[in-house]
Amino acid sequence: MRRFFDIDSPLMRNLVRIFDCMCLSVLWMLFSIPIVTIGASSAAMYRTVSHYIRKDEGHLGSTFLGAFKSDFRRNTLAWLVLMALMFLLLVDALVFRSMVLDGKFLGNLYYLILVLICVAITWCAYLAAYCASFNGSVKEVLRFSALLLVLHPVRALGVFLPILGAAALILIFPALLIVAPAAACWIGSTSLEKVFLQHLRPEDLEKVTQTDQPL
């Protein structure tokens, strides 16, 4: 029985990771409260998942805070662009949904808008991961994150489905809000890192294995 509670046992390691996800989710929510900082907060969460939770590098708090401060202006401006896009899509969804209820033919566009909203949500995840992993201007991170999303639609499902599952679980069990954001990021990071590795140059790939600084 004692070996089950040993610090290196699978049980204890999993419990520690669950606790880490709880702490990281709380940090993400706190730093996302102003809304406009969600981009920087999401990039920081991805960076923390990638380096602290998955690789045991550094410390949770310092990794998150360091990533949040890093390129804060760029990450925030990039997020504002996507937030404006999401706002427009949500407005369109409301308009076309009313057309569906009125039985108008154009109301069928409502379902296309829903698909575009799902794509935009996935783009947000790609953008956060790209900002956490690579250098570049606002225009560059928006363009390249969108390009990777388009080039790897199957991998994109591996990013979107954890987000959808986390949202559904939170709606059913609101208490899961304390752990679901980081858990979804953790699951989705597997697909995202595989996408990034496919497009890195050999010299950049070597840097990734040697340092935790964004390229």
N, C-alpha and C. Protein backbone atom coordinates (compact mmCIF):
# COMPACT_ATOMS: atom_id res chain seq x y z
N MET A 1 0.83 -1.21 0.00
CA MET A 1 0.00 0.00 0.00
C MET A 1 0.87 1.26 0.00
N ARG A 2 2.02 1.18 0.71
CA ARG A 2 2.87 2.34 0.83
C ARG A 2 3.38 2.82 -0.53
N ARG A 3 3.64 1.85 -1.43
CA ARG A 3 4.20 2.23 -2.73
C ARG A 3 3.22 3.06 -3.56
N PHE A 4 1.91 2.90 -3.30
CA PHE A 4 0.92 3.69 -4.04
C PHE A 4 1.02 5.17 -3.70
N PHE A 5 1.47 5.47 -2.48
CA PHE A 5 1.55 6.85 -2.02
C PHE A 5 2.96 7.39 -2.07
N ASP A 6 3.87 6.63 -2.67
CA ASP A 6 5.22 7.11 -2.88
C ASP A 6 5.20 8.27 -3.86
N ILE A 7 6.05 9.26 -3.66
CA ILE A 7 6.02 10.47 -4.47
C ILE A 7 6.27 10.18 -5.94
N ASP A 8 6.97 9.07 -6.23
CA ASP A 8 7.27 8.71 -7.62
C ASP A 8 6.30 7.70 -8.20
N SER A 9 5.28 7.33 -7.45
CA SER A 9 4.32 6.36 -7.96
C SER A 9 3.41 7.00 -9.00
N PRO A 10 2.88 6.22 -9.94
CA PRO A 10 1.98 6.77 -10.96
C PRO A 10 0.79 7.52 -10.35
N LEU A 11 0.25 7.00 -9.25
CA LEU A 11 -0.89 7.64 -8.61
C LEU A 11 -0.53 9.04 -8.15
N MET A 12 0.58 9.18 -7.45
CA MET A 12 0.97 10.47 -6.91
C MET A 12 1.36 11.45 -8.01
N ARG A 13 2.02 10.94 -9.04
CA ARG A 13 2.39 11.81 -10.16
C ARG A 13 1.14 12.36 -10.85
N ASN A 14 0.13 11.51 -11.02
CA ASN A 14 -1.11 11.97 -11.64
C ASN A 14 -1.85 12.97 -10.76
N LEU A 15 -1.83 12.73 -9.45
CA LEU A 15 -2.47 13.67 -8.53
C LEU A 15 -1.77 15.02 -8.54
N VAL A 16 -0.45 14.99 -8.62
CA VAL A 16 0.31 16.23 -8.69
C VAL A 16 -0.02 16.99 -9.96
N ARG A 17 -0.13 16.27 -11.07
CA ARG A 17 -0.45 16.91 -12.34
C ARG A 17 -1.86 17.51 -12.33
N ILE A 18 -2.80 16.83 -11.70
CA ILE A 18 -4.16 17.36 -11.57
C ILE A 18 -4.13 18.65 -10.75
N PHE A 19 -3.36 18.64 -9.67
CA PHE A 19 -3.23 19.84 -8.85
C PHE A 19 -2.57 20.96 -9.64
N ASP A 20 -1.56 20.62 -10.45
CA ASP A 20 -0.91 21.62 -11.29
C ASP A 20 -1.91 22.23 -12.28
N CYS A 21 -2.75 21.39 -12.86
CA CYS A 21 -3.77 21.88 -13.79
C CYS A 21 -4.76 22.80 -13.09
N MET A 22 -5.08 22.49 -11.85
CA MET A 22 -5.97 23.36 -11.08
C MET A 22 -5.34 24.73 -10.86
N CYS A 23 -4.08 24.73 -10.43
CA CYS A 23 -3.39 26.00 -10.18
C CYS A 23 -3.24 26.80 -11.46
N LEU A 24 -2.91 26.12 -12.56
CA LEU A 24 -2.72 26.81 -13.83
C LEU A 24 -4.04 27.36 -14.36
N SER A 25 -5.11 26.62 -14.20
CA SER A 25 -6.43 27.11 -14.64
C SER A 25 -6.84 28.35 -13.86
N VAL A 26 -6.57 28.35 -12.57
CA VAL A 26 -6.90 29.52 -11.74
C VAL A 26 -6.08 30.73 -12.18
N LEU A 27 -4.78 30.51 -12.43
CA LEU A 27 -3.94 31.61 -12.92
C LEU A 27 -4.46 32.16 -14.25
N TRP A 28 -4.81 31.24 -15.14
CA TRP A 28 -5.32 31.66 -16.45
C TRP A 28 -6.59 32.49 -16.30
N MET A 29 -7.50 32.07 -15.45
CA MET A 29 -8.75 32.81 -15.26
C MET A 29 -8.49 34.18 -14.64
N LEU A 30 -7.63 34.24 -13.63
CA LEU A 30 -7.34 35.50 -12.96
C LEU A 30 -6.72 36.51 -13.92
N PHE A 31 -5.76 36.05 -14.73
CA PHE A 31 -5.08 36.96 -15.64
C PHE A 31 -5.88 37.24 -16.90
N SER A 32 -7.01 36.54 -17.08
CA SER A 32 -7.87 36.78 -18.24
C SER A 32 -9.06 37.68 -17.89
N ILE A 33 -9.19 38.06 -16.63
CA ILE A 33 -10.35 38.83 -16.18
C ILE A 33 -10.55 40.13 -16.98
N PRO A 34 -9.48 40.86 -17.33
CA PRO A 34 -9.72 42.08 -18.12
C PRO A 34 -10.21 41.81 -19.54
N ILE A 35 -10.34 40.55 -19.94
CA ILE A 35 -10.78 40.13 -21.27
C ILE A 35 -9.71 40.40 -22.33
N VAL A 36 -9.23 41.64 -22.40
CA VAL A 36 -8.24 41.97 -23.43
C VAL A 36 -6.91 41.25 -23.20
N THR A 37 -6.71 40.70 -22.02
CA THR A 37 -5.45 40.00 -21.72
C THR A 37 -5.56 38.49 -21.92
N ILE A 38 -6.68 38.02 -22.45
CA ILE A 38 -6.84 36.57 -22.63
C ILE A 38 -5.77 36.02 -23.56
N GLY A 39 -5.38 36.79 -24.58
CA GLY A 39 -4.35 36.32 -25.50
C GLY A 39 -3.04 36.06 -24.80
N ALA A 40 -2.59 37.02 -24.01
CA ALA A 40 -1.34 36.86 -23.27
C ALA A 40 -1.46 35.76 -22.22
N SER A 41 -2.61 35.68 -21.58
CA SER A 41 -2.83 34.66 -20.56
C SER A 41 -2.86 33.26 -21.17
N SER A 42 -3.47 33.13 -22.35
CA SER A 42 -3.55 31.83 -23.01
C SER A 42 -2.18 31.38 -23.51
N ALA A 43 -1.40 32.33 -24.03
CA ALA A 43 -0.03 32.00 -24.45
C ALA A 43 0.80 31.55 -23.25
N ALA A 44 0.60 32.22 -22.11
CA ALA A 44 1.32 31.84 -20.90
C ALA A 44 0.90 30.45 -20.42
N MET A 45 -0.39 30.14 -20.53
CA MET A 45 -0.85 28.82 -20.12
C MET A 45 -0.24 27.74 -21.02
N TYR A 46 -0.22 27.99 -22.32
CA TYR A 46 0.37 27.00 -23.22
C TYR A 46 1.85 26.80 -22.91
N ARG A 47 2.56 27.90 -22.69
CA ARG A 47 3.99 27.81 -22.39
C ARG A 47 4.21 27.01 -21.10
N THR A 48 3.38 27.22 -20.12
CA THR A 48 3.51 26.51 -18.85
C THR A 48 3.19 25.03 -19.01
N VAL A 49 2.16 24.71 -19.79
CA VAL A 49 1.83 23.31 -20.07
C VAL A 49 2.99 22.64 -20.80
N SER A 50 3.51 23.32 -21.81
CA SER A 50 4.55 22.74 -22.65
C SER A 50 5.83 22.48 -21.89
N HIS A 51 6.22 23.40 -21.02
CA HIS A 51 7.51 23.28 -20.36
C HIS A 51 7.44 22.75 -18.93
N TYR A 52 6.46 23.22 -18.17
CA TYR A 52 6.41 22.77 -16.77
C TYR A 52 5.66 21.46 -16.61
N ILE A 53 4.44 21.39 -17.10
CA ILE A 53 3.62 20.20 -16.88
C ILE A 53 4.11 19.01 -17.70
N ARG A 54 4.46 19.24 -18.96
CA ARG A 54 4.86 18.13 -19.82
C ARG A 54 6.33 17.75 -19.67
N LYS A 55 7.19 18.74 -19.36
CA LYS A 55 8.63 18.46 -19.34
C LYS A 55 9.28 18.65 -17.98
N ASP A 56 8.50 19.07 -16.97
CA ASP A 56 9.04 19.31 -15.62
C ASP A 56 10.19 20.31 -15.63
N GLU A 57 10.07 21.35 -16.44
CA GLU A 57 11.09 22.38 -16.50
C GLU A 57 10.61 23.63 -15.76
N GLY A 58 11.45 24.16 -14.87
CA GLY A 58 11.12 25.38 -14.16
C GLY A 58 10.07 25.19 -13.09
N HIS A 59 9.38 26.30 -12.77
CA HIS A 59 8.33 26.30 -11.75
C HIS A 59 7.04 26.85 -12.36
N LEU A 60 5.92 26.39 -11.88
CA LEU A 60 4.64 26.75 -12.48
C LEU A 60 4.41 28.26 -12.47
N GLY A 61 4.51 28.87 -11.30
CA GLY A 61 4.21 30.29 -11.18
C GLY A 61 5.16 31.16 -11.98
N SER A 62 6.46 30.91 -11.85
CA SER A 62 7.44 31.75 -12.55
C SER A 62 7.38 31.55 -14.06
N THR A 63 7.09 30.31 -14.49
CA THR A 63 6.96 30.05 -15.93
C THR A 63 5.77 30.81 -16.50
N PHE A 64 4.65 30.75 -15.80
CA PHE A 64 3.45 31.44 -16.27
C PHE A 64 3.66 32.95 -16.30
N LEU A 65 4.17 33.51 -15.22
CA LEU A 65 4.34 34.96 -15.14
C LEU A 65 5.35 35.46 -16.16
N GLY A 66 6.43 34.69 -16.34
CA GLY A 66 7.44 35.08 -17.32
C GLY A 66 6.87 35.08 -18.74
N ALA A 67 6.09 34.04 -19.05
CA ALA A 67 5.48 33.95 -20.38
C ALA A 67 4.42 35.03 -20.57
N PHE A 68 3.70 35.37 -19.50
CA PHE A 68 2.66 36.39 -19.59
C PHE A 68 3.27 37.75 -19.93
N LYS A 69 4.41 38.05 -19.31
CA LYS A 69 5.06 39.34 -19.54
C LYS A 69 5.76 39.38 -20.89
N SER A 70 6.22 38.22 -21.35
CA SER A 70 6.97 38.16 -22.61
C SER A 70 6.05 38.48 -23.80
N ASP A 71 6.46 39.46 -24.59
CA ASP A 71 5.69 39.86 -25.78
C ASP A 71 4.23 40.15 -25.44
N PHE A 72 4.00 40.77 -24.28
CA PHE A 72 2.63 41.05 -23.84
C PHE A 72 1.88 41.91 -24.86
N ARG A 73 2.54 42.93 -25.36
CA ARG A 73 1.87 43.83 -26.30
C ARG A 73 1.48 43.09 -27.58
N ARG A 74 2.41 42.32 -28.14
CA ARG A 74 2.11 41.58 -29.37
C ARG A 74 0.98 40.59 -29.16
N ASN A 75 1.06 39.81 -28.09
CA ASN A 75 0.04 38.79 -27.83
C ASN A 75 -1.34 39.41 -27.60
N THR A 76 -1.37 40.57 -26.94
CA THR A 76 -2.64 41.24 -26.67
C THR A 76 -3.24 41.80 -27.95
N LEU A 77 -2.40 42.43 -28.78
CA LEU A 77 -2.90 42.99 -30.03
C LEU A 77 -3.41 41.89 -30.97
N ALA A 78 -2.70 40.78 -31.03
CA ALA A 78 -3.13 39.66 -31.87
C ALA A 78 -4.47 39.12 -31.38
N TRP A 79 -4.63 39.04 -30.06
CA TRP A 79 -5.89 38.56 -29.49
C TRP A 79 -7.03 39.51 -29.81
N LEU A 80 -6.77 40.82 -29.78
CA LEU A 80 -7.82 41.79 -30.07
C LEU A 80 -8.34 41.64 -31.50
N VAL A 81 -7.44 41.28 -32.42
CA VAL A 81 -7.87 41.04 -33.80
C VAL A 81 -8.83 39.86 -33.85
N LEU A 82 -8.48 38.78 -33.19
CA LEU A 82 -9.35 37.61 -33.18
C LEU A 82 -10.64 37.86 -32.41
N MET A 83 -10.54 38.67 -31.35
CA MET A 83 -11.73 38.99 -30.58
C MET A 83 -12.73 39.77 -31.43
N ALA A 84 -12.22 40.67 -32.27
CA ALA A 84 -13.10 41.42 -33.17
C ALA A 84 -13.75 40.48 -34.17
N LEU A 85 -12.99 39.53 -34.67
CA LEU A 85 -13.54 38.54 -35.61
C LEU A 85 -14.62 37.70 -34.94
N MET A 86 -14.35 37.25 -33.71
CA MET A 86 -15.32 36.45 -32.98
C MET A 86 -16.60 37.24 -32.72
N PHE A 87 -16.46 38.52 -32.41
CA PHE A 87 -17.63 39.36 -32.16
C PHE A 87 -18.51 39.45 -33.41
N LEU A 88 -17.87 39.65 -34.55
CA LEU A 88 -18.61 39.74 -35.81
C LEU A 88 -19.33 38.42 -36.12
N LEU A 89 -18.66 37.32 -35.89
CA LEU A 89 -19.26 36.02 -36.14
C LEU A 89 -20.45 35.76 -35.21
N LEU A 90 -20.31 36.16 -33.95
CA LEU A 90 -21.41 35.96 -33.00
C LEU A 90 -22.62 36.82 -33.37
N VAL A 91 -22.36 38.05 -33.82
CA VAL A 91 -23.46 38.91 -34.27
C VAL A 91 -24.15 38.28 -35.47
N ASP A 92 -23.35 37.79 -36.42
CA ASP A 92 -23.92 37.13 -37.60
C ASP A 92 -24.74 35.90 -37.20
N ALA A 93 -24.23 35.16 -36.21
CA ALA A 93 -24.95 33.96 -35.77
C ALA A 93 -26.32 34.32 -35.21
N LEU A 94 -26.38 35.40 -34.46
CA LEU A 94 -27.67 35.83 -33.90
C LEU A 94 -28.63 36.28 -35.01
N VAL A 95 -28.10 36.99 -36.00
CA VAL A 95 -28.94 37.48 -37.10
C VAL A 95 -29.51 36.32 -37.91
N PHE A 96 -28.63 35.38 -38.29
CA PHE A 96 -29.08 34.27 -39.12
C PHE A 96 -29.92 33.26 -38.34
N ARG A 97 -29.70 33.20 -37.03
CA ARG A 97 -30.56 32.32 -36.22
C ARG A 97 -31.98 32.84 -36.20
N SER A 98 -32.13 34.15 -36.14
CA SER A 98 -33.48 34.73 -36.19
C SER A 98 -34.15 34.43 -37.54
N MET A 99 -33.33 34.38 -38.60
CA MET A 99 -33.87 34.02 -39.93
C MET A 99 -34.31 32.57 -39.97
N VAL A 100 -33.55 31.70 -39.28
CA VAL A 100 -33.93 30.29 -39.20
C VAL A 100 -35.28 30.15 -38.52
N LEU A 101 -35.45 30.89 -37.42
CA LEU A 101 -36.72 30.82 -36.68
C LEU A 101 -37.88 31.37 -37.50
N ASP A 102 -37.57 32.33 -38.40
CA ASP A 102 -38.62 32.90 -39.25
C ASP A 102 -38.85 32.09 -40.52
N GLY A 103 -38.06 31.01 -40.68
CA GLY A 103 -38.23 30.15 -41.84
C GLY A 103 -37.68 30.71 -43.14
N LYS A 104 -36.76 31.67 -43.06
CA LYS A 104 -36.18 32.27 -44.26
C LYS A 104 -35.05 31.40 -44.79
N PHE A 105 -34.91 31.38 -46.12
CA PHE A 105 -33.90 30.53 -46.76
C PHE A 105 -32.48 30.93 -46.36
N LEU A 106 -32.22 32.23 -46.27
CA LEU A 106 -30.88 32.69 -45.90
C LEU A 106 -30.49 32.25 -44.49
N GLY A 107 -31.47 31.83 -43.72
CA GLY A 107 -31.19 31.35 -42.37
C GLY A 107 -30.28 30.14 -42.35
N ASN A 108 -30.19 29.43 -43.49
CA ASN A 108 -29.31 28.27 -43.56
C ASN A 108 -27.84 28.64 -43.38
N LEU A 109 -27.54 29.90 -43.63
CA LEU A 109 -26.16 30.37 -43.41
C LEU A 109 -25.77 30.32 -41.94
N TYR A 110 -26.75 30.21 -41.07
CA TYR A 110 -26.50 30.11 -39.63
C TYR A 110 -25.56 28.96 -39.32
N TYR A 111 -25.75 27.83 -39.99
CA TYR A 111 -24.94 26.64 -39.72
C TYR A 111 -23.52 26.83 -40.22
N LEU A 112 -23.37 27.57 -41.32
CA LEU A 112 -22.03 27.90 -41.79
C LEU A 112 -21.32 28.81 -40.79
N ILE A 113 -22.05 29.76 -40.23
CA ILE A 113 -21.47 30.66 -39.24
C ILE A 113 -21.01 29.87 -38.01
N LEU A 114 -21.80 28.87 -37.61
CA LEU A 114 -21.39 28.04 -36.47
C LEU A 114 -20.07 27.33 -36.74
N VAL A 115 -19.92 26.83 -37.97
CA VAL A 115 -18.66 26.17 -38.35
C VAL A 115 -17.51 27.17 -38.30
N LEU A 116 -17.74 28.37 -38.79
CA LEU A 116 -16.70 29.39 -38.78
C LEU A 116 -16.33 29.79 -37.36
N ILE A 117 -17.29 29.79 -36.46
CA ILE A 117 -17.01 30.09 -35.05
C ILE A 117 -16.10 29.01 -34.46
N CYS A 118 -16.37 27.75 -34.80
CA CYS A 118 -15.52 26.65 -34.33
C CYS A 118 -14.11 26.79 -34.88
N VAL A 119 -14.00 27.20 -36.15
CA VAL A 119 -12.68 27.41 -36.75
C VAL A 119 -11.96 28.56 -36.05
N ALA A 120 -12.68 29.63 -35.75
CA ALA A 120 -12.08 30.78 -35.08
C ALA A 120 -11.60 30.42 -33.68
N ILE A 121 -12.36 29.60 -32.97
CA ILE A 121 -11.95 29.14 -31.64
C ILE A 121 -10.67 28.33 -31.73
N THR A 122 -10.60 27.46 -32.74
CA THR A 122 -9.39 26.66 -32.94
C THR A 122 -8.22 27.55 -33.30
N TRP A 123 -8.48 28.58 -34.11
CA TRP A 123 -7.43 29.53 -34.47
C TRP A 123 -6.89 30.23 -33.22
N CYS A 124 -7.77 30.54 -32.28
CA CYS A 124 -7.34 31.15 -31.02
C CYS A 124 -6.33 30.26 -30.30
N ALA A 125 -6.59 28.95 -30.29
CA ALA A 125 -5.69 28.00 -29.64
C ALA A 125 -4.35 27.94 -30.38
N TYR A 126 -4.41 27.90 -31.71
CA TYR A 126 -3.19 27.90 -32.51
C TYR A 126 -2.39 29.19 -32.28
N LEU A 127 -3.09 30.30 -32.22
CA LEU A 127 -2.42 31.58 -32.02
C LEU A 127 -1.71 31.63 -30.67
N ALA A 128 -2.40 31.18 -29.61
CA ALA A 128 -1.80 31.18 -28.28
C ALA A 128 -0.54 30.32 -28.26
N ALA A 129 -0.63 29.14 -28.87
CA ALA A 129 0.51 28.23 -28.90
C ALA A 129 1.65 28.81 -29.73
N TYR A 130 1.31 29.44 -30.86
CA TYR A 130 2.34 30.01 -31.72
C TYR A 130 3.04 31.18 -31.02
N CYS A 131 2.26 32.03 -30.37
CA CYS A 131 2.83 33.17 -29.64
C CYS A 131 3.75 32.70 -28.51
N ALA A 132 3.39 31.57 -27.89
CA ALA A 132 4.19 31.04 -26.79
C ALA A 132 5.48 30.38 -27.27
N SER A 133 5.52 30.01 -28.55
CA SER A 133 6.63 29.20 -29.05
C SER A 133 7.56 29.93 -30.01
N PHE A 134 7.07 31.00 -30.65
CA PHE A 134 7.85 31.64 -31.71
C PHE A 134 7.82 33.16 -31.59
N ASN A 135 8.86 33.78 -32.11
CA ASN A 135 8.91 35.23 -32.20
C ASN A 135 8.22 35.68 -33.48
N GLY A 136 8.02 36.99 -33.60
CA GLY A 136 7.39 37.53 -34.81
C GLY A 136 6.46 38.68 -34.47
N SER A 137 6.11 39.43 -35.49
CA SER A 137 5.20 40.56 -35.32
C SER A 137 3.76 40.07 -35.17
N VAL A 138 2.86 41.00 -34.88
CA VAL A 138 1.44 40.65 -34.77
C VAL A 138 0.94 40.05 -36.07
N LYS A 139 1.29 40.69 -37.17
CA LYS A 139 0.87 40.21 -38.48
C LYS A 139 1.40 38.81 -38.77
N GLU A 140 2.65 38.57 -38.37
CA GLU A 140 3.27 37.27 -38.65
C GLU A 140 2.64 36.15 -37.83
N VAL A 141 2.41 36.38 -36.54
CA VAL A 141 1.84 35.31 -35.71
C VAL A 141 0.41 35.00 -36.13
N LEU A 142 -0.33 36.03 -36.55
CA LEU A 142 -1.69 35.79 -37.04
C LEU A 142 -1.67 34.99 -38.34
N ARG A 143 -0.78 35.39 -39.25
CA ARG A 143 -0.73 34.72 -40.55
C ARG A 143 -0.25 33.28 -40.44
N PHE A 144 0.85 33.06 -39.71
CA PHE A 144 1.41 31.73 -39.65
C PHE A 144 0.56 30.76 -38.82
N SER A 145 -0.07 31.26 -37.77
CA SER A 145 -0.95 30.38 -36.99
C SER A 145 -2.16 29.97 -37.81
N ALA A 146 -2.69 30.91 -38.62
CA ALA A 146 -3.81 30.58 -39.50
C ALA A 146 -3.38 29.60 -40.58
N LEU A 147 -2.18 29.79 -41.13
CA LEU A 147 -1.67 28.90 -42.18
C LEU A 147 -1.51 27.48 -41.65
N LEU A 148 -0.98 27.33 -40.46
CA LEU A 148 -0.81 26.00 -39.87
C LEU A 148 -2.16 25.34 -39.62
N LEU A 149 -3.14 26.13 -39.24
CA LEU A 149 -4.49 25.60 -39.03
C LEU A 149 -5.05 25.04 -40.33
N VAL A 150 -4.86 25.78 -41.43
CA VAL A 150 -5.39 25.35 -42.72
C VAL A 150 -4.63 24.14 -43.25
N LEU A 151 -3.33 24.10 -43.04
CA LEU A 151 -2.50 23.01 -43.57
C LEU A 151 -2.71 21.69 -42.86
N HIS A 152 -3.19 21.76 -41.60
CA HIS A 152 -3.34 20.53 -40.81
C HIS A 152 -4.74 20.43 -40.21
N PRO A 153 -5.76 20.22 -41.06
CA PRO A 153 -7.14 20.17 -40.56
C PRO A 153 -7.40 19.01 -39.60
N VAL A 154 -6.74 17.88 -39.82
CA VAL A 154 -6.95 16.73 -38.93
C VAL A 154 -6.38 17.02 -37.54
N ARG A 155 -5.17 17.58 -37.51
CA ARG A 155 -4.58 17.98 -36.24
C ARG A 155 -5.44 19.03 -35.55
N ALA A 156 -6.07 19.89 -36.36
CA ALA A 156 -6.92 20.93 -35.79
C ALA A 156 -8.06 20.34 -34.99
N LEU A 157 -8.56 19.20 -35.43
CA LEU A 157 -9.61 18.52 -34.66
C LEU A 157 -9.08 18.09 -33.29
N GLY A 158 -7.81 17.68 -33.25
CA GLY A 158 -7.21 17.30 -31.98
C GLY A 158 -7.03 18.46 -31.04
N VAL A 159 -7.10 19.67 -31.57
CA VAL A 159 -7.03 20.88 -30.75
C VAL A 159 -8.43 21.35 -30.35
N PHE A 160 -9.36 21.30 -31.32
CA PHE A 160 -10.71 21.81 -31.06
C PHE A 160 -11.51 20.89 -30.14
N LEU A 161 -11.43 19.58 -30.35
CA LEU A 161 -12.26 18.65 -29.58
C LEU A 161 -12.00 18.72 -28.07
N PRO A 162 -10.75 18.83 -27.60
CA PRO A 162 -10.56 19.02 -26.15
C PRO A 162 -11.21 20.29 -25.62
N ILE A 163 -11.16 21.36 -26.43
CA ILE A 163 -11.81 22.61 -26.01
C ILE A 163 -13.32 22.42 -25.93
N LEU A 164 -13.88 21.77 -26.95
CA LEU A 164 -15.33 21.50 -26.96
C LEU A 164 -15.72 20.61 -25.78
N GLY A 165 -14.93 19.57 -25.54
CA GLY A 165 -15.22 18.67 -24.42
C GLY A 165 -15.13 19.37 -23.09
N ALA A 166 -14.12 20.23 -22.93
CA ALA A 166 -13.98 20.99 -21.68
C ALA A 166 -15.16 21.92 -21.47
N ALA A 167 -15.59 22.59 -22.54
CA ALA A 167 -16.74 23.51 -22.43
C ALA A 167 -18.00 22.75 -22.06
N ALA A 168 -18.20 21.58 -22.67
CA ALA A 168 -19.39 20.79 -22.36
C ALA A 168 -19.37 20.32 -20.90
N LEU A 169 -18.21 19.88 -20.44
CA LEU A 169 -18.11 19.41 -19.05
C LEU A 169 -18.34 20.55 -18.06
N ILE A 170 -17.86 21.74 -18.40
CA ILE A 170 -18.05 22.89 -17.51
C ILE A 170 -19.53 23.26 -17.43
N LEU A 171 -20.23 23.15 -18.56
CA LEU A 171 -21.67 23.44 -18.55
C LEU A 171 -22.43 22.46 -17.68
N ILE A 172 -21.99 21.19 -17.69
CA ILE A 172 -22.66 20.16 -16.90
C ILE A 172 -22.22 20.22 -15.44
N PHE A 173 -20.90 20.36 -15.25
CA PHE A 173 -20.33 20.41 -13.89
C PHE A 173 -19.49 21.69 -13.78
N PRO A 174 -20.09 22.82 -13.43
CA PRO A 174 -19.37 24.10 -13.37
C PRO A 174 -18.10 24.07 -12.53
N ALA A 175 -18.06 23.19 -11.54
CA ALA A 175 -16.88 23.13 -10.67
C ALA A 175 -15.62 22.73 -11.45
N LEU A 176 -15.79 22.08 -12.59
CA LEU A 176 -14.65 21.66 -13.40
C LEU A 176 -13.94 22.84 -14.06
N LEU A 177 -14.51 24.02 -13.95
CA LEU A 177 -13.86 25.21 -14.48
C LEU A 177 -12.48 25.40 -13.86
N ILE A 178 -12.30 24.87 -12.67
CA ILE A 178 -11.04 25.05 -11.96
C ILE A 178 -9.92 24.19 -12.51
N VAL A 179 -10.26 23.22 -13.36
CA VAL A 179 -9.22 22.33 -13.90
C VAL A 179 -9.30 22.15 -15.41
N ALA A 180 -10.48 22.33 -15.99
CA ALA A 180 -10.69 22.02 -17.41
C ALA A 180 -9.86 22.85 -18.39
N PRO A 181 -9.68 24.17 -18.18
CA PRO A 181 -8.90 24.94 -19.16
C PRO A 181 -7.49 24.42 -19.37
N ALA A 182 -6.77 24.18 -18.29
CA ALA A 182 -5.40 23.68 -18.40
C ALA A 182 -5.38 22.25 -18.94
N ALA A 183 -6.36 21.44 -18.54
CA ALA A 183 -6.42 20.06 -19.03
C ALA A 183 -6.64 20.03 -20.54
N ALA A 184 -7.54 20.89 -21.04
CA ALA A 184 -7.79 20.96 -22.48
C ALA A 184 -6.55 21.45 -23.22
N CYS A 185 -5.86 22.41 -22.64
CA CYS A 185 -4.62 22.91 -23.23
C CYS A 185 -3.57 21.81 -23.28
N TRP A 186 -3.48 21.03 -22.22
CA TRP A 186 -2.52 19.92 -22.13
C TRP A 186 -2.79 18.90 -23.23
N ILE A 187 -4.03 18.51 -23.39
CA ILE A 187 -4.38 17.52 -24.42
C ILE A 187 -4.13 18.08 -25.82
N GLY A 188 -4.57 19.31 -26.04
CA GLY A 188 -4.40 19.92 -27.35
C GLY A 188 -2.95 20.19 -27.71
N SER A 189 -2.10 20.40 -26.71
CA SER A 189 -0.70 20.71 -26.98
C SER A 189 0.02 19.57 -27.68
N THR A 190 -0.46 18.35 -27.49
CA THR A 190 0.14 17.21 -28.18
C THR A 190 0.04 17.36 -29.69
N SER A 191 -1.14 17.72 -30.16
CA SER A 191 -1.34 17.93 -31.60
C SER A 191 -0.59 19.16 -32.09
N LEU A 192 -0.62 20.22 -31.30
CA LEU A 192 0.02 21.47 -31.72
C LEU A 192 1.53 21.31 -31.86
N GLU A 193 2.16 20.63 -30.93
CA GLU A 193 3.60 20.47 -31.00
C GLU A 193 4.01 19.61 -32.19
N LYS A 194 3.19 18.62 -32.54
CA LYS A 194 3.48 17.80 -33.71
C LYS A 194 3.41 18.64 -34.98
N VAL A 195 2.46 19.57 -35.03
CA VAL A 195 2.35 20.48 -36.18
C VAL A 195 3.59 21.37 -36.27
N PHE A 196 4.00 21.94 -35.14
CA PHE A 196 5.15 22.84 -35.14
C PHE A 196 6.42 22.11 -35.57
N LEU A 197 6.61 20.89 -35.06
CA LEU A 197 7.82 20.14 -35.37
C LEU A 197 7.94 19.82 -36.86
N GLN A 198 6.82 19.68 -37.54
CA GLN A 198 6.84 19.38 -38.96
C GLN A 198 7.36 20.54 -39.80
N HIS A 199 7.31 21.75 -39.25
CA HIS A 199 7.67 22.93 -40.03
C HIS A 199 8.93 23.63 -39.53
N LEU A 200 9.60 23.06 -38.55
CA LEU A 200 10.83 23.65 -38.06
C LEU A 200 12.01 23.26 -38.93
N ARG A 201 12.92 24.20 -39.15
CA ARG A 201 14.16 23.90 -39.83
C ARG A 201 15.04 23.05 -38.90
N PRO A 202 15.98 22.26 -39.44
CA PRO A 202 16.82 21.41 -38.60
C PRO A 202 17.53 22.18 -37.49
N GLU A 203 18.05 23.39 -37.83
CA GLU A 203 18.76 24.17 -36.81
C GLU A 203 17.81 24.68 -35.73
N ASP A 204 16.56 24.99 -36.11
CA ASP A 204 15.58 25.43 -35.13
C ASP A 204 15.12 24.26 -34.26
N LEU A 205 15.01 23.08 -34.87
CA LEU A 205 14.62 21.90 -34.12
C LEU A 205 15.65 21.59 -33.05
N GLU A 206 16.92 21.81 -33.37
CA GLU A 206 17.97 21.58 -32.38
C GLU A 206 17.87 22.57 -31.23
N LYS A 207 17.48 23.82 -31.55
CA LYS A 207 17.32 24.82 -30.50
C LYS A 207 16.19 24.44 -29.55
N VAL A 208 15.11 23.88 -30.11
CA VAL A 208 13.96 23.50 -29.29
C VAL A 208 14.36 22.46 -28.26
N THR A 209 15.22 21.56 -28.64
CA THR A 209 15.64 20.50 -27.72
C THR A 209 16.64 20.98 -26.69
N GLN A 210 17.21 22.19 -26.90
CA GLN A 210 18.25 22.68 -26.01
C GLN A 210 17.78 23.81 -25.12
N THR A 211 16.74 24.52 -25.50
CA THR A 211 16.33 25.69 -24.74
C THR A 211 14.81 25.78 -24.67
N ASP A 212 14.31 26.52 -23.68
CA ASP A 212 12.86 26.70 -23.57
C ASP A 212 12.45 28.09 -24.03
N GLN A 213 13.38 28.82 -24.70
CA GLN A 213 13.03 30.15 -25.18
C GLN A 213 12.30 30.04 -26.51
N PRO A 214 11.31 30.93 -26.76
CA PRO A 214 10.61 30.90 -28.04
C PRO A 214 11.55 31.23 -29.18
N LEU A 215 11.28 30.61 -30.36
CA LEU A 215 12.14 30.84 -31.53
C LEU A 215 11.76 32.14 -32.23
